[in-house]
Amino acid sequence: QVQVAESGGGSVQPGGSLRLSCVASGIPLGINYMSWYRQSGGKERELVASMSGGGRTSYADSVKGRFTISRDRAKHTSFLQMIDLKPEDTAVYFCKIGVDHGVGNWDYWGQGTQVTVSS
């Protein structure tokens, strides 16, 4: 059974940094992609950063230059390094992965980790 778990959230002041981790387990064949989303208030969940199986990365315009996604393939882990955090970065951050089951890609979500940026 595939499971996804995020960690590393917390409360920081504006300008601070956090590093989020996403660990996947129960992977049958491999992970096609790993990505990070966030959701705050009544807004829709938005894509923050993603990394394809080939290592290609993409970022939301609002976080470019401040957030960096990385991946440890051997440990089925993704990291989201966040610097120069702003109050508008406050949200629940979710990890979403695409898992290769041999017959296709299935998506899995973690339960999220809260990030609060406030003075």
Protein backbone atom coordinates (compact mmCIF):
# COMPACT_ATOMS: atom_id res chain seq x y z
CA GLN A 1 0.00 0.00 0.00
CA VAL A 2 1.43 3.32 -1.06
CA GLN A 3 1.67 5.92 1.67
CA VAL A 4 2.84 9.51 1.49
CA ALA A 5 3.85 11.56 4.52
CA GLU A 6 4.96 15.18 4.74
CA SER A 7 6.91 16.77 7.56
CA GLY A 8 8.88 19.90 8.33
CA GLY A 9 6.13 22.48 8.57
CA GLY A 10 6.03 25.06 11.31
CA SER A 11 5.82 28.74 12.17
CA VAL A 12 8.45 31.22 11.02
CA GLN A 13 8.83 34.95 10.72
CA PRO A 14 8.85 36.68 7.34
CA GLY A 15 12.21 36.17 5.69
CA GLY A 16 12.70 32.85 7.41
CA SER A 17 13.29 29.41 5.94
CA LEU A 18 11.81 25.94 6.18
CA ARG A 19 12.56 22.61 4.58
CA LEU A 20 9.67 20.28 3.93
CA SER A 21 10.11 16.56 3.41
CA CYS A 22 7.87 14.04 1.66
CA VAL A 23 8.53 10.35 2.17
CA ALA A 24 6.76 7.69 0.13
CA SER A 25 6.53 4.03 1.06
CA GLY A 26 5.06 0.90 -0.43
CA ILE A 27 6.25 1.85 -3.92
CA PRO A 28 5.75 -1.14 -6.26
CA LEU A 29 7.94 -0.14 -9.21
CA GLY A 30 8.94 3.50 -9.14
CA ILE A 31 7.85 7.09 -8.79
CA ASN A 32 7.16 8.98 -11.99
CA TYR A 33 7.04 12.45 -10.48
CA MET A 34 6.93 14.22 -7.13
CA SER A 35 5.28 17.56 -6.57
CA TRP A 36 4.22 20.03 -3.91
CA TYR A 37 0.90 21.85 -3.67
CA ARG A 38 -0.48 24.28 -1.14
CA GLN A 39 -3.90 25.37 -0.01
CA SER A 40 -4.96 28.24 2.21
CA GLY A 41 -8.31 29.59 3.39
CA GLY A 42 -11.04 28.93 0.90
CA LYS A 43 -8.72 28.92 -2.08
CA GLU A 44 -8.15 26.08 -4.49
CA ARG A 45 -5.12 23.89 -4.05
CA GLU A 46 -2.30 25.26 -6.20
CA LEU A 47 0.79 23.66 -7.65
CA VAL A 48 3.95 25.08 -6.08
CA ALA A 49 6.74 22.93 -7.51
CA SER A 50 7.22 19.66 -9.31
CA MET A 51 9.97 17.37 -10.49
CA SER A 52 9.54 14.86 -13.29
CA GLY A 53 11.09 11.43 -13.43
CA GLY A 54 13.80 12.86 -15.62
CA GLY A 55 14.60 15.58 -13.12
CA ARG A 56 12.94 18.47 -14.89
CA THR A 57 11.57 21.02 -12.43
CA SER A 58 8.87 23.64 -12.62
CA TYR A 59 7.69 26.28 -10.17
CA ALA A 60 4.79 28.61 -9.63
CA ASP A 61 5.75 32.18 -10.52
CA SER A 62 5.08 33.26 -6.94
CA VAL A 63 7.84 31.04 -5.54
CA LYS A 64 10.50 31.13 -8.27
CA GLY A 65 13.88 32.00 -6.86
CA ARG A 66 12.75 31.25 -3.30
CA PHE A 67 11.67 27.59 -3.34
CA THR A 68 13.72 24.64 -4.55
CA ILE A 69 12.45 21.12 -5.07
CA SER A 70 14.81 18.18 -4.88
CA ARG A 71 14.55 14.43 -4.73
CA ASP A 72 16.34 11.42 -3.30
CA ARG A 73 15.31 8.62 -5.62
CA ALA A 74 16.77 5.84 -3.54
CA LYS A 75 14.77 6.90 -0.48
CA HIS A 76 11.58 7.86 -2.37
CA THR A 77 11.84 11.27 -0.78
CA SER A 78 11.23 14.80 -2.00
CA PHE A 79 12.30 18.02 -0.35
CA LEU A 80 11.00 21.55 -0.70
CA GLN A 81 13.52 24.11 0.48
CA MET A 82 11.81 27.42 1.13
CA ILE A 83 13.69 30.65 1.80
CA ASP A 84 12.65 34.28 2.17
CA LEU A 85 9.21 33.17 3.28
CA LYS A 86 6.36 35.66 3.09
CA PRO A 87 3.02 35.81 4.91
CA GLU A 88 1.29 34.85 1.66
CA ASP A 89 3.18 31.55 1.74
CA THR A 90 1.08 30.54 4.74
CA ALA A 91 -0.82 27.40 3.78
CA VAL A 92 -1.09 23.67 4.22
CA TYR A 93 1.50 22.09 1.96
CA PHE A 94 0.73 18.77 0.34
CA CYS A 95 2.94 16.28 -1.45
CA LYS A 96 1.55 14.53 -4.51
CA ILE A 97 3.36 11.71 -6.25
CA GLY A 98 2.77 9.72 -9.39
CA VAL A 99 3.46 6.03 -8.89
CA ASP A 100 4.18 3.49 -11.61
CA HIS A 101 2.09 0.38 -11.01
CA GLY A 102 3.14 -1.24 -14.26
CA VAL A 103 -0.30 -0.75 -15.79
CA GLY A 104 -0.27 3.01 -15.51
CA ASN A 105 0.35 5.98 -13.26
CA TRP A 106 -1.62 6.40 -10.07
CA ASP A 107 -1.54 9.62 -8.04
CA TYR A 108 -1.26 9.73 -4.26
CA TRP A 109 -1.51 12.60 -1.81
CA GLY A 110 -0.13 13.11 1.64
CA GLN A 111 -2.17 14.62 4.46
CA GLY A 112 -0.32 17.91 4.46
CA THR A 113 1.87 19.96 6.76
CA GLN A 114 1.05 23.46 7.99
CA VAL A 115 3.36 26.36 7.20
CA THR A 116 2.65 29.66 8.94
CA VAL A 117 4.60 32.82 8.17
CA SER A 118 3.84 35.61 10.58
CA SER A 119 5.57 38.28 12.62
